[in-house]
Protein backbone atom coordinates (compact mmCIF):
# COMPACT_ATOMS: atom_id res chain seq x y z
CA UNK A 1 0.00 0.00 0.00
CA UNK A 2 1.40 3.37 -1.01
CA UNK A 3 0.58 6.30 1.27
CA UNK A 4 -0.26 9.74 -0.07
CA UNK A 5 0.84 12.71 2.05
CA UNK A 6 -1.20 15.75 1.02
CA UNK A 7 -0.37 19.09 2.59
CA UNK A 8 -0.74 22.70 1.39
CA UNK A 9 2.39 24.67 0.58
CA UNK A 10 2.62 26.59 3.86
CA UNK A 11 5.71 27.96 5.60
CA UNK A 12 5.29 25.51 8.53
CA UNK A 13 7.40 22.48 9.45
CA UNK A 14 4.59 20.12 10.51
CA UNK A 15 4.45 18.18 7.25
CA UNK A 16 8.24 17.87 7.22
CA UNK A 17 8.19 15.72 10.38
CA UNK A 18 5.86 13.25 8.65
CA UNK A 19 8.00 13.22 5.50
CA UNK A 20 11.17 12.60 7.50
CA UNK A 21 9.58 9.79 9.53
CA UNK A 22 8.27 8.06 6.40
CA UNK A 23 11.64 8.43 4.66
CA UNK A 24 13.63 7.11 7.63
CA UNK A 25 11.20 4.22 8.04
CA UNK A 26 11.67 3.34 4.36
CA UNK A 27 7.94 3.68 3.75
CA UNK A 28 6.92 4.35 0.15
CA UNK A 29 4.72 7.44 -0.10
CA UNK A 30 3.57 10.04 -2.58
CA UNK A 31 4.46 13.56 -1.52
CA UNK A 32 1.85 16.06 -2.67
CA UNK A 33 2.18 19.66 -1.54
CA UNK A 34 1.37 21.76 -4.58
CA UNK A 35 -2.40 22.18 -4.31
CA UNK A 36 -3.95 25.60 -3.49
CA UNK A 37 -4.76 26.35 0.12
CA UNK A 38 -8.25 27.65 -0.71
CA UNK A 39 -10.51 26.16 -3.39
CA UNK A 40 -11.12 28.40 -6.39
CA UNK A 41 -14.76 29.39 -6.74
CA UNK A 42 -16.57 28.95 -10.04
CA UNK A 43 -17.86 32.54 -10.18
C-alpha atoms as a PDB file:
ATOM      1  CA  UNK A   1       0.000   0.000   0.000  1.00  0.00           C
ATOM      2  CA  UNK A   2       1.403   3.373  -1.007  1.00  0.00           C
ATOM      3  CA  UNK A   3       0.578   6.304   1.265  1.00  0.00           C
ATOM      4  CA  UNK A   4      -0.262   9.741  -0.069  1.00  0.00           C
ATOM      5  CA  UNK A   5       0.840  12.714   2.048  1.00  0.00           C
ATOM      6  CA  UNK A   6      -1.202  15.753   1.016  1.00  0.00           C
ATOM      7  CA  UNK A   7      -0.372  19.087   2.589  1.00  0.00           C
ATOM      8  CA  UNK A   8      -0.737  22.698   1.390  1.00  0.00           C
ATOM      9  CA  UNK A   9       2.385  24.669   0.583  1.00  0.00           C
ATOM     10  CA  UNK A  10       2.621  26.587   3.863  1.00  0.00           C
ATOM     11  CA  UNK A  11       5.712  27.956   5.603  1.00  0.00           C
ATOM     12  CA  UNK A  12       5.294  25.515   8.528  1.00  0.00           C
ATOM     13  CA  UNK A  13       7.398  22.481   9.445  1.00  0.00           C
ATOM     14  CA  UNK A  14       4.592  20.120  10.512  1.00  0.00           C
ATOM     15  CA  UNK A  15       4.454  18.176   7.251  1.00  0.00           C
ATOM     16  CA  UNK A  16       8.238  17.871   7.223  1.00  0.00           C
ATOM     17  CA  UNK A  17       8.195  15.719  10.377  1.00  0.00           C
ATOM     18  CA  UNK A  18       5.864  13.248   8.650  1.00  0.00           C
ATOM     19  CA  UNK A  19       7.996  13.220   5.504  1.00  0.00           C
ATOM     20  CA  UNK A  20      11.171  12.599   7.498  1.00  0.00           C
ATOM     21  CA  UNK A  21       9.576   9.792   9.528  1.00  0.00           C
ATOM     22  CA  UNK A  22       8.275   8.058   6.395  1.00  0.00           C
ATOM     23  CA  UNK A  23      11.639   8.432   4.659  1.00  0.00           C
ATOM     24  CA  UNK A  24      13.630   7.112   7.627  1.00  0.00           C
ATOM     25  CA  UNK A  25      11.196   4.223   8.038  1.00  0.00           C
ATOM     26  CA  UNK A  26      11.674   3.337   4.359  1.00  0.00           C
ATOM     27  CA  UNK A  27       7.935   3.683   3.754  1.00  0.00           C
ATOM     28  CA  UNK A  28       6.923   4.351   0.152  1.00  0.00           C
ATOM     29  CA  UNK A  29       4.720   7.444  -0.102  1.00  0.00           C
ATOM     30  CA  UNK A  30       3.569  10.040  -2.580  1.00  0.00           C
ATOM     31  CA  UNK A  31       4.462  13.562  -1.519  1.00  0.00           C
ATOM     32  CA  UNK A  32       1.852  16.060  -2.666  1.00  0.00           C
ATOM     33  CA  UNK A  33       2.182  19.661  -1.537  1.00  0.00           C
ATOM     34  CA  UNK A  34       1.367  21.757  -4.577  1.00  0.00           C
ATOM     35  CA  UNK A  35      -2.400  22.176  -4.307  1.00  0.00           C
ATOM     36  CA  UNK A  36      -3.954  25.598  -3.485  1.00  0.00           C
ATOM     37  CA  UNK A  37      -4.763  26.348   0.120  1.00  0.00           C
ATOM     38  CA  UNK A  38      -8.255  27.649  -0.709  1.00  0.00           C
ATOM     39  CA  UNK A  39     -10.512  26.161  -3.388  1.00  0.00           C
ATOM     40  CA  UNK A  40     -11.120  28.399  -6.390  1.00  0.00           C
ATOM     41  CA  UNK A  41     -14.757  29.388  -6.737  1.00  0.00           C
ATOM     42  CA  UNK A  42     -16.575  28.949 -10.037  1.00  0.00           C
ATOM     43  CA  UNK A  43     -17.860  32.535 -10.177  1.00  0.00           C
END
